[in-house]
């Protein structure tokens, strides 16, 4: 894998570190449900799924 693709994965991990940080998580801490689940759970699992999908695309596309 080339250096720039490794850098993309590092940037993705930094963004996920920020996305799953407590101050940002507290913005979504609400008792209102979305699809029957609390909003914070939907946010956490959708961010997690997003990071898995993006890292899969980076690795699949640029793996040498």
C-alpha atoms as a PDB file:
ATOM      1  CA  UNK A   1       0.000   0.000   0.000  1.00  0.00           C
ATOM      2  CA  UNK A   2       1.313   3.413  -0.902  1.00  0.00           C
ATOM      3  CA  UNK A   3       2.040   6.098   1.625  1.00  0.00           C
ATOM      4  CA  UNK A   4      -0.818   8.365   0.537  1.00  0.00           C
ATOM      5  CA  UNK A   5      -3.354   5.579   1.027  1.00  0.00           C
ATOM      6  CA  UNK A   6      -2.003   4.945   4.499  1.00  0.00           C
ATOM      7  CA  UNK A   7      -2.435   8.658   5.122  1.00  0.00           C
ATOM      8  CA  UNK A   8      -6.087   8.410   4.082  1.00  0.00           C
ATOM      9  CA  UNK A   9      -6.613   5.703   6.679  1.00  0.00           C
ATOM     10  CA  UNK A  10      -4.902   7.816   9.331  1.00  0.00           C
ATOM     11  CA  UNK A  11      -7.133  10.770   8.475  1.00  0.00           C
ATOM     12  CA  UNK A  12     -10.177   8.517   8.677  1.00  0.00           C
ATOM     13  CA  UNK A  13      -9.139   7.280  12.113  1.00  0.00           C
ATOM     14  CA  UNK A  14      -8.590  10.865  13.312  1.00  0.00           C
ATOM     15  CA  UNK A  15     -12.048  11.825  12.078  1.00  0.00           C
ATOM     16  CA  UNK A  16     -13.557   8.862  13.887  1.00  0.00           C
ATOM     17  CA  UNK A  17     -11.698   9.843  17.034  1.00  0.00           C
ATOM     18  CA  UNK A  18     -13.336  13.247  16.805  1.00  0.00           C
ATOM     19  CA  UNK A  19     -16.734  11.834  15.842  1.00  0.00           C
ATOM     20  CA  UNK A  20     -16.819   9.490  18.834  1.00  0.00           C
ATOM     21  CA  UNK A  21     -15.531  12.050  21.317  1.00  0.00           C
ATOM     22  CA  UNK A  22     -17.694  12.828  24.357  1.00  0.00           C
ATOM     23  CA  UNK A  23     -18.602  16.479  23.530  1.00  0.00           C
ATOM     24  CA  UNK A  24     -19.924  15.498  20.111  1.00  0.00           C
ATOM     25  CA  UNK A  25     -21.680  12.418  21.464  1.00  0.00           C
ATOM     26  CA  UNK A  26     -23.501  14.554  24.028  1.00  0.00           C
ATOM     27  CA  UNK A  27     -25.079  16.525  21.170  1.00  0.00           C
ATOM     28  CA  UNK A  28     -26.952  13.368  20.188  1.00  0.00           C
ATOM     29  CA  UNK A  29     -27.885  12.328  23.733  1.00  0.00           C
ATOM     30  CA  UNK A  30     -31.639  12.687  23.484  1.00  0.00           C
ATOM     31  CA  UNK A  31     -34.559  10.558  24.562  1.00  0.00           C
ATOM     32  CA  UNK A  32     -36.313  10.976  21.212  1.00  0.00           C
ATOM     33  CA  UNK A  33     -36.280   7.728  19.237  1.00  0.00           C
ATOM     34  CA  UNK A  34     -35.315   7.370  15.594  1.00  0.00           C
ATOM     35  CA  UNK A  35     -36.576   4.153  13.997  1.00  0.00           C
ATOM     36  CA  UNK A  36     -37.371   2.960  17.522  1.00  0.00           C
ATOM     37  CA  UNK A  37     -33.797   3.387  18.778  1.00  0.00           C
ATOM     38  CA  UNK A  38     -32.295   6.261  20.765  1.00  0.00           C
ATOM     39  CA  UNK A  39     -30.573   8.811  18.538  1.00  0.00           C
ATOM     40  CA  UNK A  40     -27.191   8.295  20.184  1.00  0.00           C
ATOM     41  CA  UNK A  41     -27.206   4.600  19.226  1.00  0.00           C
ATOM     42  CA  UNK A  42     -28.132   5.413  15.647  1.00  0.00           C
ATOM     43  CA  UNK A  43     -25.321   7.991  15.504  1.00  0.00           C
ATOM     44  CA  UNK A  44     -22.678   5.676  16.982  1.00  0.00           C
ATOM     45  CA  UNK A  45     -23.497   2.694  14.806  1.00  0.00           C
ATOM     46  CA  UNK A  46     -23.906   4.725  11.622  1.00  0.00           C
ATOM     47  CA  UNK A  47     -20.529   6.423  12.213  1.00  0.00           C
ATOM     48  CA  UNK A  48     -18.999   3.012  12.860  1.00  0.00           C
ATOM     49  CA  UNK A  49     -20.552   1.562   9.694  1.00  0.00           C
ATOM     50  CA  UNK A  50     -19.402   4.603   7.707  1.00  0.00           C
ATOM     51  CA  UNK A  51     -15.810   4.159   8.884  1.00  0.00           C
ATOM     52  CA  UNK A  52     -15.841   0.456   8.028  1.00  0.00           C
ATOM     53  CA  UNK A  53     -17.223   1.154   4.547  1.00  0.00           C
ATOM     54  CA  UNK A  54     -14.734   3.930   3.787  1.00  0.00           C
ATOM     55  CA  UNK A  55     -11.754   1.925   5.045  1.00  0.00           C
ATOM     56  CA  UNK A  56     -12.914  -1.078   3.008  1.00  0.00           C
ATOM     57  CA  UNK A  57     -13.093   1.077  -0.123  1.00  0.00           C
ATOM     58  CA  UNK A  58      -9.631   2.503   0.487  1.00  0.00           C
ATOM     59  CA  UNK A  59      -8.082  -0.895   1.098  1.00  0.00           C
ATOM     60  CA  UNK A  60      -9.944  -2.664  -1.706  1.00  0.00           C
ATOM     61  CA  UNK A  61      -9.245   0.016  -4.285  1.00  0.00           C
ATOM     62  CA  UNK A  62      -5.644   0.843  -3.497  1.00  0.00           C
ATOM     63  CA  UNK A  63      -4.154  -2.394  -2.177  1.00  0.00           C
ATOM     64  CA  UNK A  64      -1.026  -3.253  -4.107  1.00  0.00           C
END
